[in-house]
Amino acid sequence: MFAYAAAGFAALGDPTRREIFARIAERPRAVGELARELPISRPAVSQHLRVLKDAGLVMDRAEGNRRIYQADPAGLAALRAQLDTFWNQALATFEQVVDHDTKEE
């Protein structure tokens, strides 16, 4: 599960991919629509989408002669699970520090 999430975090490390992903998370979109909205070419959008798809963050479907991209719930769940693990570890550490400080007083 962590390896799956790691690929997602790595893919989102690029600001252009984060912007593309944010737009796709709002609603499904075609490559051409994304290219019109962003200051990059269609081929560049396609390359970024390939990285996001390989990382499991987006999926696509054929609609006529276009591909429509949307967020992949499984990929998002993997990212969320990893973030929850980090958050839970941080809370447990905080609890230990508070308990230790309370016992010293």
PDB file of N, CA and C in Angstrom:
ATOM      1  N   MET A   1       0.826  -1.194   0.000  1.00  0.00           N
ATOM      2  CA  MET A   1       0.000   0.000   0.000  1.00  0.00           C
ATOM      3  C   MET A   1       0.869   1.256   0.000  1.00  0.00           C
ATOM      4  N   PHE A   2       1.964   1.277   0.791  1.00  0.00           N
ATOM      5  CA  PHE A   2       2.811   2.464   0.847  1.00  0.00           C
ATOM      6  C   PHE A   2       3.468   2.726  -0.501  1.00  0.00           C
ATOM      7  N   ALA A   3       3.898   1.686  -1.202  1.00  0.00           N
ATOM      8  CA  ALA A   3       4.529   1.887  -2.514  1.00  0.00           C
ATOM      9  C   ALA A   3       3.540   2.531  -3.475  1.00  0.00           C
ATOM     10  N   TYR A   4       2.291   2.125  -3.397  1.00  0.00           N
ATOM     11  CA  TYR A   4       1.254   2.695  -4.256  1.00  0.00           C
ATOM     12  C   TYR A   4       1.074   4.171  -3.924  1.00  0.00           C
ATOM     13  N   ALA A   5       1.027   4.501  -2.641  1.00  0.00           N
ATOM     14  CA  ALA A   5       0.882   5.890  -2.223  1.00  0.00           C
ATOM     15  C   ALA A   5       2.126   6.694  -2.574  1.00  0.00           C
ATOM     16  N   ALA A   6       3.306   6.092  -2.440  1.00  0.00           N
ATOM     17  CA  ALA A   6       4.550   6.796  -2.742  1.00  0.00           C
ATOM     18  C   ALA A   6       4.568   7.256  -4.197  1.00  0.00           C
ATOM     19  N   ALA A   7       4.088   6.428  -5.102  1.00  0.00           N
ATOM     20  CA  ALA A   7       4.031   6.815  -6.518  1.00  0.00           C
ATOM     21  C   ALA A   7       3.095   8.004  -6.694  1.00  0.00           C
ATOM     22  N   GLY A   8       2.007   8.010  -5.955  1.00  0.00           N
ATOM     23  CA  GLY A   8       1.066   9.129  -6.028  1.00  0.00           C
ATOM     24  C   GLY A   8       1.675  10.415  -5.508  1.00  0.00           C
ATOM     25  N   PHE A   9       2.360  10.344  -4.363  1.00  0.00           N
ATOM     26  CA  PHE A   9       3.015  11.531  -3.819  1.00  0.00           C
ATOM     27  C   PHE A   9       4.088  12.037  -4.778  1.00  0.00           C
ATOM     28  N   ALA A  10       4.858  11.126  -5.365  1.00  0.00           N
ATOM     29  CA  ALA A  10       5.904  11.521  -6.309  1.00  0.00           C
ATOM     30  C   ALA A  10       5.291  12.212  -7.528  1.00  0.00           C
ATOM     31  N   ALA A  11       4.197  11.666  -8.031  1.00  0.00           N
ATOM     32  CA  ALA A  11       3.547  12.261  -9.200  1.00  0.00           C
ATOM     33  C   ALA A  11       3.039  13.663  -8.888  1.00  0.00           C
ATOM     34  N   LEU A  12       2.537  13.870  -7.685  1.00  0.00           N
ATOM     35  CA  LEU A  12       2.001  15.168  -7.301  1.00  0.00           C
ATOM     36  C   LEU A  12       3.091  16.153  -6.883  1.00  0.00           C
ATOM     37  N   GLY A  13       4.343  15.710  -6.917  1.00  0.00           N
ATOM     38  CA  GLY A  13       5.453  16.582  -6.580  1.00  0.00           C
ATOM     39  C   GLY A  13       5.679  17.676  -7.612  1.00  0.00           C
ATOM     40  N   ASP A  14       5.174  17.486  -8.807  1.00  0.00           N
ATOM     41  CA  ASP A  14       5.314  18.475  -9.867  1.00  0.00           C
ATOM     42  C   ASP A  14       4.121  19.437  -9.821  1.00  0.00           C
ATOM     43  N   PRO A  15       4.370  20.745  -9.785  1.00  0.00           N
ATOM     44  CA  PRO A  15       3.260  21.698  -9.666  1.00  0.00           C
ATOM     45  C   PRO A  15       2.265  21.656 -10.832  1.00  0.00           C
ATOM     46  N   THR A  16       2.749  21.388 -12.029  1.00  0.00           N
ATOM     47  CA  THR A  16       1.829  21.299 -13.167  1.00  0.00           C
ATOM     48  C   THR A  16       0.919  20.087 -13.018  1.00  0.00           C
ATOM     49  N   ARG A  17       1.480  18.955 -12.586  1.00  0.00           N
ATOM     50  CA  ARG A  17       0.643  17.767 -12.375  1.00  0.00           C
ATOM     51  C   ARG A  17      -0.359  18.002 -11.261  1.00  0.00           C
ATOM     52  N   ARG A  18       0.048  18.718 -10.199  1.00  0.00           N
ATOM     53  CA  ARG A  18      -0.908  19.020  -9.125  1.00  0.00           C
ATOM     54  C   ARG A  18      -2.067  19.851  -9.669  1.00  0.00           C
ATOM     55  N   GLU A  19      -1.762  20.816 -10.535  1.00  0.00           N
ATOM     56  CA  GLU A  19      -2.816  21.651 -11.117  1.00  0.00           C
ATOM     57  C   GLU A  19      -3.732  20.820 -12.011  1.00  0.00           C
ATOM     58  N   ILE A  20      -3.166  19.971 -12.827  1.00  0.00           N
ATOM     59  CA  ILE A  20      -3.971  19.094 -13.687  1.00  0.00           C
ATOM     60  C   ILE A  20      -4.838  18.190 -12.825  1.00  0.00           C
ATOM     61  N   PHE A  21      -4.230  17.595 -11.793  1.00  0.00           N
ATOM     62  CA  PHE A  21      -4.995  16.699 -10.926  1.00  0.00           C
ATOM     63  C   PHE A  21      -6.118  17.452 -10.209  1.00  0.00           C
ATOM     64  N   ALA A  22      -5.847  18.661  -9.736  1.00  0.00           N
ATOM     65  CA  ALA A  22      -6.875  19.457  -9.058  1.00  0.00           C
ATOM     66  C   ALA A  22      -8.058  19.708  -9.988  1.00  0.00           C
ATOM     67  N   ARG A  23      -7.773  19.996 -11.251  1.00  0.00           N
ATOM     68  CA  ARG A  23      -8.855  20.240 -12.206  1.00  0.00           C
ATOM     69  C   ARG A  23      -9.647  18.967 -12.491  1.00  0.00           C
ATOM     70  N   ILE A  24      -8.939  17.845 -12.592  1.00  0.00           N
ATOM     71  CA  ILE A  24      -9.625  16.572 -12.839  1.00  0.00           C
ATOM     72  C   ILE A  24     -10.424  16.144 -11.605  1.00  0.00           C
ATOM     73  N   ALA A  25      -9.936  16.476 -10.420  1.00  0.00           N
ATOM     74  CA  ALA A  25     -10.663  16.133  -9.200  1.00  0.00           C
ATOM     75  C   ALA A  25     -11.987  16.899  -9.118  1.00  0.00           C
ATOM     76  N   GLU A  26     -12.035  18.101  -9.716  1.00  0.00           N
ATOM     77  CA  GLU A  26     -13.279  18.875  -9.743  1.00  0.00           C
ATOM     78  C   GLU A  26     -14.344  18.171 -10.569  1.00  0.00           C
ATOM     79  N   ARG A  27     -13.911  17.675 -11.748  1.00  0.00           N
ATOM     80  CA  ARG A  27     -14.816  16.961 -12.654  1.00  0.00           C
ATOM     81  C   ARG A  27     -13.983  16.336 -13.767  1.00  0.00           C
ATOM     82  N   PRO A  28     -14.494  15.285 -14.396  1.00  0.00           N
ATOM     83  CA  PRO A  28     -13.763  14.654 -15.498  1.00  0.00           C
ATOM     84  C   PRO A  28     -13.537  15.646 -16.641  1.00  0.00           C
ATOM     85  N   ARG A  29     -12.379  15.501 -17.301  1.00  0.00           N
ATOM     86  CA  ARG A  29     -12.025  16.410 -18.397  1.00  0.00           C
ATOM     87  C   ARG A  29     -11.235  15.678 -19.471  1.00  0.00           C
ATOM     88  N   ALA A  30     -11.306  16.210 -20.671  1.00  0.00           N
ATOM     89  CA  ALA A  30     -10.525  15.696 -21.797  1.00  0.00           C
ATOM     90  C   ALA A  30      -9.197  16.458 -21.870  1.00  0.00           C
ATOM     91  N   VAL A  31      -8.231  15.868 -22.567  1.00  0.00           N
ATOM     92  CA  VAL A  31      -6.908  16.480 -22.721  1.00  0.00           C
ATOM     93  C   VAL A  31      -7.024  17.874 -23.333  1.00  0.00           C
ATOM     94  N   GLY A  32      -7.816  17.999 -24.380  1.00  0.00           N
ATOM     95  CA  GLY A  32      -7.959  19.286 -25.061  1.00  0.00           C
ATOM     96  C   GLY A  32      -8.487  20.372 -24.141  1.00  0.00           C
ATOM     97  N   GLU A  33      -9.442  20.030 -23.313  1.00  0.00           N
ATOM     98  CA  GLU A  33      -9.995  21.004 -22.363  1.00  0.00           C
ATOM     99  C   GLU A  33      -8.920  21.448 -21.380  1.00  0.00           C
ATOM    100  N   LEU A  34      -8.156  20.497 -20.866  1.00  0.00           N
ATOM    101  CA  LEU A  34      -7.077  20.843 -19.940  1.00  0.00           C
ATOM    102  C   LEU A  34      -6.036  21.724 -20.622  1.00  0.00           C
ATOM    103  N   ALA A  35      -5.690  21.414 -21.855  1.00  0.00           N
ATOM    104  CA  ALA A  35      -4.686  22.192 -22.587  1.00  0.00           C
ATOM    105  C   ALA A  35      -5.167  23.625 -22.819  1.00  0.00           C
ATOM    106  N   ARG A  36      -6.464  23.807 -23.054  1.00  0.00           N
ATOM    107  CA  ARG A  36      -7.001  25.157 -23.239  1.00  0.00           C
ATOM    108  C   ARG A  36      -6.945  25.964 -21.936  1.00  0.00           C
ATOM    109  N   GLU A  37      -7.062  25.267 -20.801  1.00  0.00           N
ATOM    110  CA  GLU A  37      -7.104  25.943 -19.499  1.00  0.00           C
ATOM    111  C   GLU A  37      -5.720  26.231 -18.935  1.00  0.00           C
ATOM    112  N   LEU A  38      -4.708  25.554 -19.443  1.00  0.00           N
ATOM    113  CA  LEU A  38      -3.362  25.659 -18.872  1.00  0.00           C
ATOM    114  C   LEU A  38      -2.381  26.211 -19.905  1.00  0.00           C
ATOM    115  N   PRO A  39      -1.289  26.803 -19.442  1.00  0.00           N
ATOM    116  CA  PRO A  39      -0.313  27.373 -20.375  1.00  0.00           C
ATOM    117  C   PRO A  39       0.701  26.349 -20.889  1.00  0.00           C
ATOM    118  N   ILE A  40       0.226  25.133 -21.176  1.00  0.00           N
ATOM    119  CA  ILE A  40       1.105  24.091 -21.715  1.00  0.00           C
ATOM    120  C   ILE A  40       0.407  23.431 -22.904  1.00  0.00           C
ATOM    121  N   SER A  41       1.179  22.743 -23.716  1.00  0.00           N
ATOM    122  CA  SER A  41       0.651  22.127 -24.936  1.00  0.00           C
ATOM    123  C   SER A  41      -0.130  20.849 -24.635  1.00  0.00           C
ATOM    124  N   ARG A  42      -0.904  20.422 -25.619  1.00  0.00           N
ATOM    125  CA  ARG A  42      -1.632  19.148 -25.499  1.00  0.00           C
ATOM    126  C   ARG A  42      -0.680  17.982 -25.238  1.00  0.00           C
ATOM    127  N   PRO A  43       0.447  17.892 -25.994  1.00  0.00           N
ATOM    128  CA  PRO A  43       1.360  16.776 -25.719  1.00  0.00           C
ATOM    129  C   PRO A  43       1.902  16.809 -24.283  1.00  0.00           C
ATOM    130  N   ALA A  44       2.155  18.006 -23.760  1.00  0.00           N
ATOM    131  CA  ALA A  44       2.643  18.108 -22.381  1.00  0.00           C
ATOM    132  C   ALA A  44       1.571  17.657 -21.396  1.00  0.00           C
ATOM    133  N   VAL A  45       0.320  18.055 -21.649  1.00  0.00           N
ATOM    134  CA  VAL A  45      -0.788  17.611 -20.786  1.00  0.00           C
ATOM    135  C   VAL A  45      -0.876  16.092 -20.829  1.00  0.00           C
ATOM    136  N   SER A  46      -0.783  15.513 -22.010  1.00  0.00           N
ATOM    137  CA  SER A  46      -0.854  14.056 -22.156  1.00  0.00           C
ATOM    138  C   SER A  46       0.256  13.360 -21.382  1.00  0.00           C
ATOM    139  N   GLN A  47       1.465  13.928 -21.430  1.00  0.00           N
ATOM    140  CA  GLN A  47       2.579  13.324 -20.680  1.00  0.00           C
ATOM    141  C   GLN A  47       2.321  13.385 -19.179  1.00  0.00           C
ATOM    142  N   HIS A  48       1.819  14.510 -18.697  1.00  0.00           N
ATOM    143  CA  HIS A  48       1.512  14.627 -17.269  1.00  0.00           C
ATOM    144  C   HIS A  48       0.398  13.650 -16.870  1.00  0.00           C
ATOM    145  N   LEU A  49      -0.593  13.512 -17.732  1.00  0.00           N
ATOM    146  CA  LEU A  49      -1.682  12.574 -17.441  1.00  0.00           C
ATOM    147  C   LEU A  49      -1.176  11.138 -17.397  1.00  0.00           C
ATOM    148  N   ARG A  50      -0.223  10.806 -18.246  1.00  0.00           N
ATOM    149  CA  ARG A  50       0.350   9.455 -18.233  1.00  0.00           C
ATOM    150  C   ARG A  50       1.024   9.182 -16.888  1.00  0.00           C
ATOM    151  N   VAL A  51       1.754  10.160 -16.378  1.00  0.00           N
ATOM    152  CA  VAL A  51       2.414   9.996 -15.077  1.00  0.00           C
ATOM    153  C   VAL A  51       1.362   9.821 -13.978  1.00  0.00           C
ATOM    154  N   LEU A  52       0.320  10.653 -14.012  1.00  0.00           N
ATOM    155  CA  LEU A  52      -0.741  10.541 -13.012  1.00  0.00           C
ATOM    156  C   LEU A  52      -1.461   9.197 -13.111  1.00  0.00           C
ATOM    157  N   LYS A  53      -1.661   8.738 -14.331  1.00  0.00           N
ATOM    158  CA  LYS A  53      -2.329   7.444 -14.525  1.00  0.00           C
ATOM    159  C   LYS A  53      -1.434   6.301 -14.049  1.00  0.00           C
ATOM    160  N   ASP A  54      -0.151   6.348 -14.386  1.00  0.00           N
ATOM    161  CA  ASP A  54       0.783   5.309 -13.937  1.00  0.00           C
ATOM    162  C   ASP A  54       0.891   5.268 -12.410  1.00  0.00           C
ATOM    163  N   ALA A  55       0.696   6.421 -11.776  1.00  0.00           N
ATOM    164  CA  ALA A  55       0.743   6.498 -10.315  1.00  0.00           C
ATOM    165  C   ALA A  55      -0.571   6.066  -9.680  1.00  0.00           C
ATOM    166  N   GLY A  56      -1.577   5.791 -10.502  1.00  0.00           N
ATOM    167  CA  GLY A  56      -2.865   5.331  -9.984  1.00  0.00           C
ATOM    168  C   GLY A  56      -3.776   6.444  -9.499  1.00  0.00           C
ATOM    169  N   LEU A  57      -3.500   7.687  -9.883  1.00  0.00           N
ATOM    170  CA  LEU A  57      -4.311   8.798  -9.410  1.00  0.00           C
ATOM    171  C   LEU A  57      -5.448   9.173 -10.343  1.00  0.00           C
ATOM    172  N   VAL A  58      -5.309   8.846 -11.626  1.00  0.00           N
ATOM    173  CA  VAL A  58      -6.384   9.124 -12.575  1.00  0.00           C
ATOM    174  C   VAL A  58      -6.646   7.876 -13.415  1.00  0.00           C
ATOM    175  N   MET A  59      -7.843   7.831 -13.940  1.00  0.00           N
ATOM    176  CA  MET A  59      -8.198   6.773 -14.881  1.00  0.00           C
ATOM    177  C   MET A  59      -8.895   7.452 -16.051  1.00  0.00           C
ATOM    178  N   ASP A  60      -8.981   6.747 -17.159  1.00  0.00           N
ATOM    179  CA  ASP A  60      -9.578   7.339 -18.337  1.00  0.00           C
ATOM    180  C   ASP A  60     -10.570   6.387 -18.966  1.00  0.00           C
ATOM    181  N   ARG A  61     -11.425   6.986 -19.801  1.00  0.00           N
ATOM    182  CA  ARG A  61     -12.400   6.192 -20.558  1.00  0.00           C
ATOM    183  C   ARG A  61     -12.554   6.829 -21.925  1.00  0.00           C
ATOM    184  N   ALA A  62     -12.880   5.997 -22.877  1.00  0.00           N
ATOM    185  CA  ALA A  62     -13.096   6.500 -24.235  1.00  0.00           C
ATOM    186  C   ALA A  62     -14.487   7.118 -24.325  1.00  0.00           C
ATOM    187  N   GLU A  63     -14.531   8.254 -24.994  1.00  0.00           N
ATOM    188  CA  GLU A  63     -15.813   8.902 -25.286  1.00  0.00           C
ATOM    189  C   GLU A  63     -15.701   9.438 -26.706  1.00  0.00           C
ATOM    190  N   GLY A  64     -16.191   8.647 -27.641  1.00  0.00           N
ATOM    191  CA  GLY A  64     -15.982   8.978 -29.046  1.00  0.00           C
ATOM    192  C   GLY A  64     -14.504   8.833 -29.379  1.00  0.00           C
ATOM    193  N   ASN A  65     -13.927   9.886 -29.946  1.00  0.00           N
ATOM    194  CA  ASN A  65     -12.496   9.829 -30.278  1.00  0.00           C
ATOM    195  C   ASN A  65     -11.640  10.522 -29.211  1.00  0.00           C
ATOM    196  N   ARG A  66     -12.234  10.838 -28.067  1.00  0.00           N
ATOM    197  CA  ARG A  66     -11.508  11.497 -26.971  1.00  0.00           C
ATOM    198  C   ARG A  66     -11.350  10.557 -25.788  1.00  0.00           C
ATOM    199  N   ARG A  67     -10.384  10.863 -24.954  1.00  0.00           N
ATOM    200  CA  ARG A  67     -10.209  10.170 -23.684  1.00  0.00           C
ATOM    201  C   ARG A  67     -10.610  11.163 -22.600  1.00  0.00           C
ATOM    202  N   ILE A  68     -11.460  10.708 -21.704  1.00  0.00           N
ATOM    203  CA  ILE A  68     -11.908  11.539 -20.587  1.00  0.00           C
ATOM    204  C   ILE A  68     -11.214  11.024 -19.328  1.00  0.00           C
ATOM    205  N   TYR A  69     -10.569  11.921 -18.608  1.00  0.00           N
ATOM    206  CA  TYR A  69      -9.809  11.564 -17.410  1.00  0.00           C
ATOM    207  C   TYR A  69     -10.571  11.996 -16.168  1.00  0.00           C
ATOM    208  N   GLN A  70     -10.521  11.143 -15.162  1.00  0.00           N
ATOM    209  CA  GLN A  70     -11.150  11.447 -13.876  1.00  0.00           C
ATOM    210  C   GLN A  70     -10.278  10.893 -12.762  1.00  0.00           C
ATOM    211  N   ALA A  71     -10.494  11.408 -11.561  1.00  0.00           N
ATOM    212  CA  ALA A  71      -9.732  10.935 -10.406  1.00  0.00           C
ATOM    213  C   ALA A  71     -10.052   9.465 -10.150  1.00  0.00           C
ATOM    214  N   ASP A  72      -9.049   8.706  -9.768  1.00  0.00           N
ATOM    215  CA  ASP A  72      -9.218   7.288  -9.460  1.00  0.00           C
ATOM    216  C   ASP A  72      -9.403   7.143  -7.948  1.00  0.00           C
ATOM    217  N   PRO A  73     -10.586   6.734  -7.495  1.00  0.00           N
ATOM    218  CA  PRO A  73     -10.844   6.632  -6.054  1.00  0.00           C
ATOM    219  C   PRO A  73      -9.868   5.707  -5.320  1.00  0.00           C
ATOM    220  N   ALA A  74      -9.406   4.643  -5.970  1.00  0.00           N
ATOM    221  CA  ALA A  74      -8.470   3.725  -5.310  1.00  0.00           C
ATOM    222  C   ALA A  74      -7.137   4.403  -5.033  1.00  0.00           C
ATOM    223  N   GLY A  75      -6.657   5.184  -5.989  1.00  0.00           N
ATOM    224  CA  GLY A  75      -5.400   5.904  -5.793  1.00  0.00           C
ATOM    225  C   GLY A  75      -5.515   6.947  -4.704  1.00  0.00           C
ATOM    226  N   LEU A  76      -6.641   7.654  -4.693  1.00  0.00           N
ATOM    227  CA  LEU A  76      -6.863   8.640  -3.638  1.00  0.00           C
ATOM    228  C   LEU A  76      -6.970   7.977  -2.270  1.00  0.00           C
ATOM    229  N   ALA A  77      -7.592   6.814  -2.222  1.00  0.00           N
ATOM    230  CA  ALA A  77      -7.701   6.095  -0.952  1.00  0.00           C
ATOM    231  C   ALA A  77      -6.330   5.697  -0.432  1.00  0.00           C
ATOM    232  N   ALA A  78      -5.434   5.308  -1.329  1.00  0.00           N
ATOM    233  CA  ALA A  78      -4.082   4.940  -0.907  1.00  0.00           C
ATOM    234  C   ALA A  78      -3.343   6.141  -0.335  1.00  0.00           C
ATOM    235  N   LEU A  79      -3.476   7.299  -0.978  1.00  0.00           N
ATOM    236  CA  LEU A  79      -2.853   8.518  -0.457  1.00  0.00           C
ATOM    237  C   LEU A  79      -3.439   8.876   0.906  1.00  0.00           C
ATOM    238  N   ARG A  80      -4.735   8.788   1.003  1.00  0.00           N
ATOM    239  CA  ARG A  80      -5.425   9.127   2.261  1.00  0.00           C
ATOM    240  C   ARG A  80      -4.992   8.184   3.384  1.00  0.00           C
ATOM    241  N   ALA A  81      -4.890   6.905   3.090  1.00  0.00           N
ATOM    242  CA  ALA A  81      -4.475   5.934   4.106  1.00  0.00           C
ATOM    243  C   ALA A  81      -3.071   6.246   4.611  1.00  0.00           C
ATOM    244  N   GLN A  82      -2.174   6.612   3.698  1.00  0.00           N
ATOM    245  CA  GLN A  82      -0.805   6.939   4.113  1.00  0.00           C
ATOM    246  C   GLN A  82      -0.783   8.210   4.954  1.00  0.00           C
ATOM    247  N   LEU A  83      -1.540   9.216   4.548  1.00  0.00           N
ATOM    248  CA  LEU A  83      -1.614  10.445   5.344  1.00  0.00           C
ATOM    249  C   LEU A  83      -2.226  10.177   6.714  1.00  0.00           C
ATOM    250  N   ASP A  84      -3.235   9.327   6.768  1.00  0.00           N
ATOM    251  CA  ASP A  84      -3.835   8.958   8.060  1.00  0.00           C
ATOM    252  C   ASP A  84      -2.820   8.273   8.958  1.00  0.00           C
ATOM    253  N   THR A  85      -1.962   7.430   8.368  1.00  0.00           N
ATOM    254  CA  THR A  85      -0.914   6.761   9.146  1.00  0.00           C
ATOM    255  C   THR A  85       0.043   7.789   9.729  1.00  0.00           C
ATOM    256  N   PHE A  86       0.487   8.743   8.916  1.00  0.00           N
ATOM    257  CA  PHE A  86       1.377   9.797   9.409  1.00  0.00           C
ATOM    258  C   PHE A  86       0.696  10.595  10.526  1.00  0.00           C
ATOM    259  N   TRP A  87      -0.565  10.950  10.320  1.00  0.00           N
ATOM    260  CA  TRP A  87      -1.304  11.739  11.299  1.00  0.00           C
ATOM    261  C   TRP A  87      -1.459  10.977  12.608  1.00  0.00           C
ATOM    262  N   ASN A  88      -1.823   9.723  12.527  1.00  0.00           N
ATOM    263  CA  ASN A  88      -1.998   8.915  13.733  1.00  0.00           C
ATOM    264  C   ASN A  88      -0.688   8.753  14.492  1.00  0.00           C
ATOM    265  N   GLN A  89       0.422   8.595  13.766  1.00  0.00           N
ATOM    266  CA  GLN A  89       1.730   8.497  14.413  1.00  0.00           C
ATOM    267  C   GLN A  89       2.082   9.807  15.115  1.00  0.00           C
ATOM    268  N   ALA A  90       1.804  10.914  14.468  1.00  0.00           N
ATOM    269  CA  ALA A  90       2.089  12.222  15.072  1.00  0.00           C
ATOM    270  C   ALA A  90       1.245  12.432  16.323  1.00  0.00           C
ATOM    271  N   LEU A  91      -0.023  12.050  16.286  1.00  0.00           N
ATOM    272  CA  LEU A  91      -0.880  12.185  17.466  1.00  0.00           C
ATOM    273  C   LEU A  91      -0.410  11.291  18.613  1.00  0.00           C
ATOM    274  N   ALA A  92       0.009  10.076  18.290  1.00  0.00           N
ATOM    275  CA  ALA A  92       0.500   9.160  19.326  1.00  0.00           C
ATOM    276  C   ALA A  92       1.771   9.717  19.976  1.00  0.00           C
ATOM    277  N   THR A  93       2.654  10.277  19.176  1.00  0.00           N
ATOM    278  CA  THR A  93       3.877  10.880  19.715  1.00  0.00           C
ATOM    279  C   THR A  93       3.540  12.073  20.592  1.00  0.00           C
ATOM    280  N   PHE A  94       2.621  12.901  20.147  1.00  0.00           N
ATOM    281  CA  PHE A  94       2.194  14.052  20.942  1.00  0.00           C
ATOM    282  C   PHE A  94       1.613  13.600  22.278  1.00  0.00           C
ATOM    283  N   GLU A  95       0.805  12.558  22.239  1.00  0.00           N
ATOM    284  CA  GLU A  95       0.209  12.027  23.477  1.00  0.00           C
ATOM    285  C   GLU A  95       1.293  11.543  24.440  1.00  0.00           C
ATOM    286  N   GLN A  96       2.308  10.878  23.918  1.00  0.00           N
ATOM    287  CA  GLN A  96       3.404  10.406  24.763  1.00  0.00           C
ATOM    288  C   GLN A  96       4.148  11.577  25.404  1.00  0.00           C
ATOM    289  N   VAL A  97       4.392  12.619  24.637  1.00  0.00           N
ATOM    290  CA  VAL A  97       5.088  13.799  25.161  1.00  0.00           C
ATOM    291  C   VAL A  97       4.264  14.455  26.255  1.00  0.00           C
ATOM    292  N   VAL A  98       2.983  14.614  26.030  1.00  0.00           N
ATOM    293  CA  VAL A  98       2.101  15.233  27.032  1.00  0.00           C
ATOM    294  C   VAL A  98       2.054  14.375  28.286  1.00  0.00           C
ATOM    295  N   ASP A  99       1.906  13.069  28.142  1.00  0.00           N
ATOM    296  CA  ASP A  99       1.877  12.172  29.303  1.00  0.00           C
ATOM    297  C   ASP A  99       3.188  12.250  30.074  1.00  0.00           C
ATOM    298  N   HIS A 100       4.292  12.290  29.371  1.00  0.00           N
ATOM    299  CA  HIS A 100       5.610  12.361  30.022  1.00  0.00           C
ATOM    300  C   HIS A 100       5.776  13.664  30.786  1.00  0.00           C
ATOM    301  N   ASP A 101       5.369  14.781  30.174  1.00  0.00           N
ATOM    302  CA  ASP A 101       5.461  16.081  30.827  1.00  0.00           C
ATOM    303  C   ASP A 101       4.536  16.168  32.039  1.00  0.00           C
ATOM    304  N   THR A 102       3.375  15.566  31.947  1.00  0.00           N
ATOM    305  CA  THR A 102       2.424  15.581  33.055  1.00  0.00           C
ATOM    306  C   THR A 102       2.957  14.790  34.227  1.00  0.00           C
ATOM    307  N   LYS A 103       3.588  13.667  33.969  1.00  0.00           N
ATOM    308  CA  LYS A 103       4.146  12.825  35.035  1.00  0.00           C
ATOM    309  C   LYS A 103       5.311  13.509  35.734  1.00  0.00           C
ATOM    310  N   GLU A 104       6.057  14.353  35.025  1.00  0.00           N
ATOM    311  CA  GLU A 104       7.193  15.042  35.617  1.00  0.00           C
ATOM    312  C   GLU A 104       6.749  16.157  36.549  1.00  0.00           C
ATOM    313  N   GLU A 105       5.572  16.693  36.342  1.00  0.00           N
ATOM    314  CA  GLU A 105       5.084  17.804  37.180  1.00  0.00           C
ATOM    315  C   GLU A 105       4.488  17.259  38.403  1.00  0.00           C
TER     316      GLU A 105
END
